[in-house]
Structure formats: C-alpha cells, structure tokens
Amino acid sequence: PPVTFRAVTPARRRAASILLTVAALALAVV
C-alpha cells in the first residue's frame, strides 16, 4: 500500500496529541 504521512508518524506525534488534549480539557475545567 502507498506509504502516507500518517503511516510513518513517530510515536512522539501521538504523545504530543495526547498532551494537547489533556491541556485542552484542563483549561476547559478551569
């Protein structure tokens, strides 16, 4: 299958997405 950008996404990109989501929820609660 053709290799897309998402197929070679490093693990730190997933971690950054999770941290952004956690920060968004924390700011929303505040």
PDB file of all heavy atoms in Angstrom:
ATOM      1  N   PRO A   1       0.842  -1.208   0.000  1.00  0.00           N
ATOM      2  CA  PRO A   1       0.000   0.000   0.000  1.00  0.00           C
ATOM      3  C   PRO A   1       0.864   1.239   0.000  1.00  0.00           C
ATOM      4  O   PRO A   1       1.990   1.234   0.513  1.00  0.00           O
ATOM      5  CB  PRO A   1      -0.804  -0.133   1.307  1.00  0.00           C
ATOM      6  CG  PRO A   1       0.039  -1.025   2.161  1.00  0.00           C
ATOM      7  CD  PRO A   1       0.717  -1.965   1.217  1.00  0.00           C
ATOM      8  N   PRO A   2       0.372   2.303  -0.606  1.00  0.00           N
ATOM      9  CA  PRO A   2       1.176   3.529  -0.624  1.00  0.00           C
ATOM     10  C   PRO A   2       1.423   4.050   0.784  1.00  0.00           C
ATOM     11  O   PRO A   2       0.544   4.062   1.625  1.00  0.00           O
ATOM     12  CB  PRO A   2       0.299   4.506  -1.430  1.00  0.00           C
ATOM     13  CG  PRO A   2      -1.091   3.955  -1.312  1.00  0.00           C
ATOM     14  CD  PRO A   2      -0.935   2.479  -1.243  1.00  0.00           C
ATOM     15  N   VAL A   3       2.641   4.437   1.007  1.00  0.00           N
ATOM     16  CA  VAL A   3       3.036   4.940   2.321  1.00  0.00           C
ATOM     17  C   VAL A   3       2.618   6.394   2.419  1.00  0.00           C
ATOM     18  O   VAL A   3       3.026   7.219   1.605  1.00  0.00           O
ATOM     19  CB  VAL A   3       4.554   4.797   2.521  1.00  0.00           C
ATOM     20  CG1 VAL A   3       4.967   5.349   3.883  1.00  0.00           C
ATOM     21  CG2 VAL A   3       4.956   3.347   2.398  1.00  0.00           C
ATOM     22  N   THR A   4       1.796   6.672   3.373  1.00  0.00           N
ATOM     23  CA  THR A   4       1.347   8.038   3.600  1.00  0.00           C
ATOM     24  C   THR A   4       2.089   8.629   4.782  1.00  0.00           C
ATOM     25  O   THR A   4       2.865   7.951   5.459  1.00  0.00           O
ATOM     26  CB  THR A   4      -0.166   8.074   3.860  1.00  0.00           C
ATOM     27  OG1 THR A   4      -0.441   7.266   5.005  1.00  0.00           O
ATOM     28  CG2 THR A   4      -0.934   7.513   2.672  1.00  0.00           C
ATOM     29  N   PHE A   5       1.811   9.908   5.042  1.00  0.00           N
ATOM     30  CA  PHE A   5       2.480  10.603   6.146  1.00  0.00           C
ATOM     31  C   PHE A   5       2.074  10.024   7.488  1.00  0.00           C
ATOM     32  O   PHE A   5       2.866   9.939   8.408  1.00  0.00           O
ATOM     33  CB  PHE A   5       2.158  12.094   6.081  1.00  0.00           C
ATOM     34  CG  PHE A   5       2.827  12.895   7.154  1.00  0.00           C
ATOM     35  CD1 PHE A   5       4.179  13.182   7.083  1.00  0.00           C
ATOM     36  CD2 PHE A   5       2.109  13.348   8.244  1.00  0.00           C
ATOM     37  CE1 PHE A   5       4.804  13.917   8.076  1.00  0.00           C
ATOM     38  CE2 PHE A   5       2.725  14.078   9.246  1.00  0.00           C
ATOM     39  CZ  PHE A   5       4.067  14.367   9.153  1.00  0.00           C
ATOM     40  N   ARG A   6       0.801   9.568   7.573  1.00  0.00           N
ATOM     41  CA  ARG A   6       0.337   9.010   8.833  1.00  0.00           C
ATOM     42  C   ARG A   6       0.980   7.652   9.121  1.00  0.00           C
ATOM     43  O   ARG A   6       1.096   7.264  10.263  1.00  0.00           O
ATOM     44  CB  ARG A   6      -1.184   8.869   8.829  1.00  0.00           C
ATOM     45  CG  ARG A   6      -1.908  10.209   8.841  1.00  0.00           C
ATOM     46  CD  ARG A   6      -3.404  10.001   8.888  1.00  0.00           C
ATOM     47  NE  ARG A   6      -4.105  11.262   8.923  1.00  0.00           N
ATOM     48  CZ  ARG A   6      -4.367  11.945  10.018  1.00  0.00           C
ATOM     49  NH1 ARG A   6      -3.972  11.477  11.176  1.00  0.00           N
ATOM     50  NH2 ARG A   6      -5.011  13.094   9.971  1.00  0.00           N
ATOM     51  N   ALA A   7       1.378   6.920   8.058  1.00  0.00           N
ATOM     52  CA  ALA A   7       1.955   5.604   8.277  1.00  0.00           C
ATOM     53  C   ALA A   7       3.344   5.680   8.896  1.00  0.00           C
ATOM     54  O   ALA A   7       3.808   4.739   9.501  1.00  0.00           O
ATOM     55  CB  ALA A   7       2.015   4.818   6.970  1.00  0.00           C
ATOM     56  N   VAL A   8       4.031   6.802   8.712  1.00  0.00           N
ATOM     57  CA  VAL A   8       5.380   6.941   9.234  1.00  0.00           C
ATOM     58  C   VAL A   8       5.406   7.950  10.385  1.00  0.00           C
ATOM     59  O   VAL A   8       6.437   8.511  10.690  1.00  0.00           O
ATOM     60  CB  VAL A   8       6.346   7.364   8.108  1.00  0.00           C
ATOM     61  CG1 VAL A   8       6.443   6.273   7.075  1.00  0.00           C
ATOM     62  CG2 VAL A   8       5.880   8.671   7.462  1.00  0.00           C
ATOM     63  N   THR A   9       4.263   8.171  11.000  1.00  0.00           N
ATOM     64  CA  THR A   9       4.216   9.133  12.083  1.00  0.00           C
ATOM     65  C   THR A   9       4.968   8.583  13.285  1.00  0.00           C
ATOM     66  O   THR A   9       4.703   7.473  13.714  1.00  0.00           O
ATOM     67  CB  THR A   9       2.761   9.422  12.481  1.00  0.00           C
ATOM     68  OG1 THR A   9       2.076   9.922  11.346  1.00  0.00           O
ATOM     69  CG2 THR A   9       2.715  10.464  13.584  1.00  0.00           C
ATOM     70  N   PRO A  10       5.893   9.334  13.860  1.00  0.00           N
ATOM     71  CA  PRO A  10       6.609   8.834  15.034  1.00  0.00           C
ATOM     72  C   PRO A  10       5.714   8.811  16.250  1.00  0.00           C
ATOM     73  O   PRO A  10       4.653   9.427  16.299  1.00  0.00           O
ATOM     74  CB  PRO A  10       7.768   9.832  15.186  1.00  0.00           C
ATOM     75  CG  PRO A  10       7.276  11.076  14.527  1.00  0.00           C
ATOM     76  CD  PRO A  10       6.371  10.632  13.403  1.00  0.00           C
ATOM     77  N   ALA A  11       6.188   8.118  17.265  1.00  0.00           N
ATOM     78  CA  ALA A  11       5.398   7.983  18.493  1.00  0.00           C
ATOM     79  C   ALA A  11       5.265   9.308  19.224  1.00  0.00           C
ATOM     80  O   ALA A  11       4.282   9.548  19.918  1.00  0.00           O
ATOM     81  CB  ALA A  11       6.047   6.946  19.412  1.00  0.00           C
ATOM     82  N   ARG A  12       6.246  10.194  19.043  1.00  0.00           N
ATOM     83  CA  ARG A  12       6.155  11.465  19.770  1.00  0.00           C
ATOM     84  C   ARG A  12       5.021  12.330  19.249  1.00  0.00           C
ATOM     85  O   ARG A  12       4.528  13.204  19.970  1.00  0.00           O
ATOM     86  CB  ARG A  12       7.478  12.219  19.675  1.00  0.00           C
ATOM     87  CG  ARG A  12       7.931  12.572  18.267  1.00  0.00           C
ATOM     88  CD  ARG A  12       9.217  13.394  18.326  1.00  0.00           C
ATOM     89  NE  ARG A  12       9.724  13.689  17.000  1.00  0.00           N
ATOM     90  CZ  ARG A  12      10.557  12.922  16.334  1.00  0.00           C
ATOM     91  NH1 ARG A  12      10.967  11.799  16.886  1.00  0.00           N
ATOM     92  NH2 ARG A  12      10.998  13.245  15.132  1.00  0.00           N
ATOM     93  N   ARG A  13       4.590  12.102  17.987  1.00  0.00           N
ATOM     94  CA  ARG A  13       3.448  12.862  17.491  1.00  0.00           C
ATOM     95  C   ARG A  13       2.175  12.457  18.222  1.00  0.00           C
ATOM     96  O   ARG A  13       1.330  13.288  18.556  1.00  0.00           O
ATOM     97  CB  ARG A  13       3.301  12.631  15.991  1.00  0.00           C
ATOM     98  CG  ARG A  13       2.240  13.509  15.350  1.00  0.00           C
ATOM     99  CD  ARG A  13       2.188  13.253  13.878  1.00  0.00           C
ATOM    100  NE  ARG A  13       1.100  13.999  13.269  1.00  0.00           N
ATOM    101  CZ  ARG A  13       0.683  13.814  12.027  1.00  0.00           C
ATOM    102  NH1 ARG A  13       1.273  12.920  11.277  1.00  0.00           N
ATOM    103  NH2 ARG A  13      -0.309  14.507  11.535  1.00  0.00           N
ATOM    104  N   ARG A  14       2.029  11.173  18.478  1.00  0.00           N
ATOM    105  CA  ARG A  14       0.870  10.710  19.246  1.00  0.00           C
ATOM    106  C   ARG A  14       0.916  11.264  20.672  1.00  0.00           C
ATOM    107  O   ARG A  14      -0.105  11.669  21.231  1.00  0.00           O
ATOM    108  CB  ARG A  14       0.843   9.187  19.264  1.00  0.00           C
ATOM    109  CG  ARG A  14      -0.364   8.594  19.984  1.00  0.00           C
ATOM    110  CD  ARG A  14      -0.266   7.082  20.012  1.00  0.00           C
ATOM    111  NE  ARG A  14      -0.273   6.528  18.671  1.00  0.00           N
ATOM    112  CZ  ARG A  14      -1.381   6.229  17.990  1.00  0.00           C
ATOM    113  NH1 ARG A  14      -2.568   6.449  18.542  1.00  0.00           N
ATOM    114  NH2 ARG A  14      -1.305   5.722  16.790  1.00  0.00           N
ATOM    115  N   ALA A  15       2.119  11.277  21.258  1.00  0.00           N
ATOM    116  CA  ALA A  15       2.238  11.812  22.615  1.00  0.00           C
ATOM    117  C   ALA A  15       1.892  13.294  22.646  1.00  0.00           C
ATOM    118  O   ALA A  15       1.229  13.768  23.574  1.00  0.00           O
ATOM    119  CB  ALA A  15       3.657  11.582  23.138  1.00  0.00           C
ATOM    120  N   ALA A  16       2.336  14.046  21.624  1.00  0.00           N
ATOM    121  CA  ALA A  16       2.007  15.474  21.580  1.00  0.00           C
ATOM    122  C   ALA A  16       0.506  15.684  21.452  1.00  0.00           C
ATOM    123  O   ALA A  16      -0.069  16.591  22.076  1.00  0.00           O
ATOM    124  CB  ALA A  16       2.748  16.139  20.428  1.00  0.00           C
ATOM    125  N   SER A  17      -0.155  14.850  20.652  1.00  0.00           N
ATOM    126  CA  SER A  17      -1.607  14.973  20.506  1.00  0.00           C
ATOM    127  C   SER A  17      -2.321  14.699  21.821  1.00  0.00           C
ATOM    128  O   SER A  17      -3.264  15.408  22.195  1.00  0.00           O
ATOM    129  CB  SER A  17      -2.093  14.006  19.419  1.00  0.00           C
ATOM    130  OG  SER A  17      -3.496  14.010  19.346  1.00  0.00           O
ATOM    131  N   ILE A  18      -1.860  13.686  22.549  1.00  0.00           N
ATOM    132  CA  ILE A  18      -2.485  13.363  23.833  1.00  0.00           C
ATOM    133  C   ILE A  18      -2.275  14.491  24.835  1.00  0.00           C
ATOM    134  O   ILE A  18      -3.187  14.874  25.571  1.00  0.00           O
ATOM    135  CB  ILE A  18      -1.930  12.030  24.362  1.00  0.00           C
ATOM    136  CG1 ILE A  18      -2.345  10.875  23.431  1.00  0.00           C
ATOM    137  CG2 ILE A  18      -2.406  11.765  25.779  1.00  0.00           C
ATOM    138  CD1 ILE A  18      -1.729   9.548  23.795  1.00  0.00           C
ATOM    139  N   LEU A  19      -1.060  15.051  24.855  1.00  0.00           N
ATOM    140  CA  LEU A  19      -0.790  16.148  25.786  1.00  0.00           C
ATOM    141  C   LEU A  19      -1.633  17.380  25.457  1.00  0.00           C
ATOM    142  O   LEU A  19      -2.113  18.078  26.367  1.00  0.00           O
ATOM    143  CB  LEU A  19       0.700  16.496  25.747  1.00  0.00           C
ATOM    144  CG  LEU A  19       1.648  15.456  26.354  1.00  0.00           C
ATOM    145  CD1 LEU A  19       3.088  15.885  26.199  1.00  0.00           C
ATOM    146  CD2 LEU A  19       1.321  15.236  27.820  1.00  0.00           C
ATOM    147  N   LEU A  20      -1.809  17.664  24.155  1.00  0.00           N
ATOM    148  CA  LEU A  20      -2.659  18.792  23.782  1.00  0.00           C
ATOM    149  C   LEU A  20      -4.094  18.566  24.234  1.00  0.00           C
ATOM    150  O   LEU A  20      -4.761  19.490  24.719  1.00  0.00           O
ATOM    151  CB  LEU A  20      -2.609  18.999  22.271  1.00  0.00           C
ATOM    152  CG  LEU A  20      -1.421  19.770  21.705  1.00  0.00           C
ATOM    153  CD1 LEU A  20      -1.501  19.836  20.198  1.00  0.00           C
ATOM    154  CD2 LEU A  20      -1.350  21.169  22.299  1.00  0.00           C
ATOM    155  N   THR A  21      -4.572  17.352  24.086  1.00  0.00           N
ATOM    156  CA  THR A  21      -5.940  17.055  24.518  1.00  0.00           C
ATOM    157  C   THR A  21      -6.091  17.198  26.034  1.00  0.00           C
ATOM    158  O   THR A  21      -7.081  17.763  26.521  1.00  0.00           O
ATOM    159  CB  THR A  21      -6.319  15.633  24.085  1.00  0.00           C
ATOM    160  OG1 THR A  21      -6.154  15.510  22.658  1.00  0.00           O
ATOM    161  CG2 THR A  21      -7.762  15.331  24.445  1.00  0.00           C
ATOM    162  N   VAL A  22      -5.101  16.706  26.773  1.00  0.00           N
ATOM    163  CA  VAL A  22      -5.158  16.829  28.231  1.00  0.00           C
ATOM    164  C   VAL A  22      -5.118  18.296  28.649  1.00  0.00           C
ATOM    165  O   VAL A  22      -5.874  18.736  29.546  1.00  0.00           O
ATOM    166  CB  VAL A  22      -4.005  16.039  28.872  1.00  0.00           C
ATOM    167  CG1 VAL A  22      -3.918  16.306  30.361  1.00  0.00           C
ATOM    168  CG2 VAL A  22      -4.187  14.544  28.622  1.00  0.00           C
ATOM    169  N   ALA A  23      -4.252  19.092  27.998  1.00  0.00           N
ATOM    170  CA  ALA A  23      -4.177  20.517  28.325  1.00  0.00           C
ATOM    171  C   ALA A  23      -5.487  21.224  27.994  1.00  0.00           C
ATOM    172  O   ALA A  23      -5.938  22.101  28.741  1.00  0.00           O
ATOM    173  CB  ALA A  23      -3.019  21.162  27.565  1.00  0.00           C
ATOM    174  N   ALA A  24      -6.104  20.844  26.871  1.00  0.00           N
ATOM    175  CA  ALA A  24      -7.381  21.466  26.499  1.00  0.00           C
ATOM    176  C   ALA A  24      -8.456  21.167  27.536  1.00  0.00           C
ATOM    177  O   ALA A  24      -9.222  22.056  27.934  1.00  0.00           O
ATOM    178  CB  ALA A  24      -7.814  20.963  25.123  1.00  0.00           C
ATOM    179  N   LEU A  25      -8.526  19.920  27.990  1.00  0.00           N
ATOM    180  CA  LEU A  25      -9.538  19.564  28.996  1.00  0.00           C
ATOM    181  C   LEU A  25      -9.270  20.253  30.336  1.00  0.00           C
ATOM    182  O   LEU A  25     -10.201  20.698  31.020  1.00  0.00           O
ATOM    183  CB  LEU A  25      -9.571  18.046  29.177  1.00  0.00           C
ATOM    184  CG  LEU A  25     -10.012  17.248  27.938  1.00  0.00           C
ATOM    185  CD1 LEU A  25      -9.938  15.756  28.222  1.00  0.00           C
ATOM    186  CD2 LEU A  25     -11.412  17.644  27.507  1.00  0.00           C
ATOM    187  N   ALA A  26      -7.982  20.373  30.698  1.00  0.00           N
ATOM    188  CA  ALA A  26      -7.656  21.050  31.954  1.00  0.00           C
ATOM    189  C   ALA A  26      -8.041  22.523  31.900  1.00  0.00           C
ATOM    190  O   ALA A  26      -8.639  23.069  32.846  1.00  0.00           O
ATOM    191  CB  ALA A  26      -6.161  20.901  32.254  1.00  0.00           C
ATOM    192  N   LEU A  27      -7.719  23.192  30.791  1.00  0.00           N
ATOM    193  CA  LEU A  27      -8.104  24.602  30.643  1.00  0.00           C
ATOM    194  C   LEU A  27      -9.622  24.758  30.622  1.00  0.00           C
ATOM    195  O   LEU A  27     -10.162  25.741  31.146  1.00  0.00           O
ATOM    196  CB  LEU A  27      -7.491  25.175  29.367  1.00  0.00           C
ATOM    197  CG  LEU A  27      -5.981  25.417  29.389  1.00  0.00           C
ATOM    198  CD1 LEU A  27      -5.494  25.856  28.020  1.00  0.00           C
ATOM    199  CD2 LEU A  27      -5.617  26.451  30.435  1.00  0.00           C
ATOM    200  N   ALA A  28     -10.309  23.789  30.001  1.00  0.00           N
ATOM    201  CA  ALA A  28     -11.766  23.869  29.961  1.00  0.00           C
ATOM    202  C   ALA A  28     -12.365  23.762  31.358  1.00  0.00           C
ATOM    203  O   ALA A  28     -13.304  24.490  31.696  1.00  0.00           O
ATOM    204  CB  ALA A  28     -12.323  22.764  29.062  1.00  0.00           C
ATOM    205  N   VAL A  29     -11.814  22.877  32.182  1.00  0.00           N
ATOM    206  CA  VAL A  29     -12.314  22.747  33.555  1.00  0.00           C
ATOM    207  C   VAL A  29     -12.077  24.034  34.337  1.00  0.00           C
ATOM    208  O   VAL A  29     -12.959  24.522  35.065  1.00  0.00           O
ATOM    209  CB  VAL A  29     -11.650  21.543  34.244  1.00  0.00           C
ATOM    210  CG1 VAL A  29     -11.983  21.516  35.727  1.00  0.00           C
ATOM    211  CG2 VAL A  29     -12.103  20.240  33.589  1.00  0.00           C
ATOM    212  N   VAL A  30     -10.882  24.623  34.169  1.00  0.00           N
ATOM    213  CA  VAL A  30     -10.583  25.879  34.866  1.00  0.00           C
ATOM    214  C   VAL A  30     -11.515  26.990  34.388  1.00  0.00           C
ATOM    215  O   VAL A  30     -12.046  27.778  35.190  1.00  0.00           O
ATOM    216  CB  VAL A  30      -9.110  26.257  34.647  1.00  0.00           C
ATOM    217  CG1 VAL A  30      -8.818  27.641  35.208  1.00  0.00           C
ATOM    218  CG2 VAL A  30      -8.191  25.235  35.311  1.00  0.00           C
TER     219      VAL A  30
END
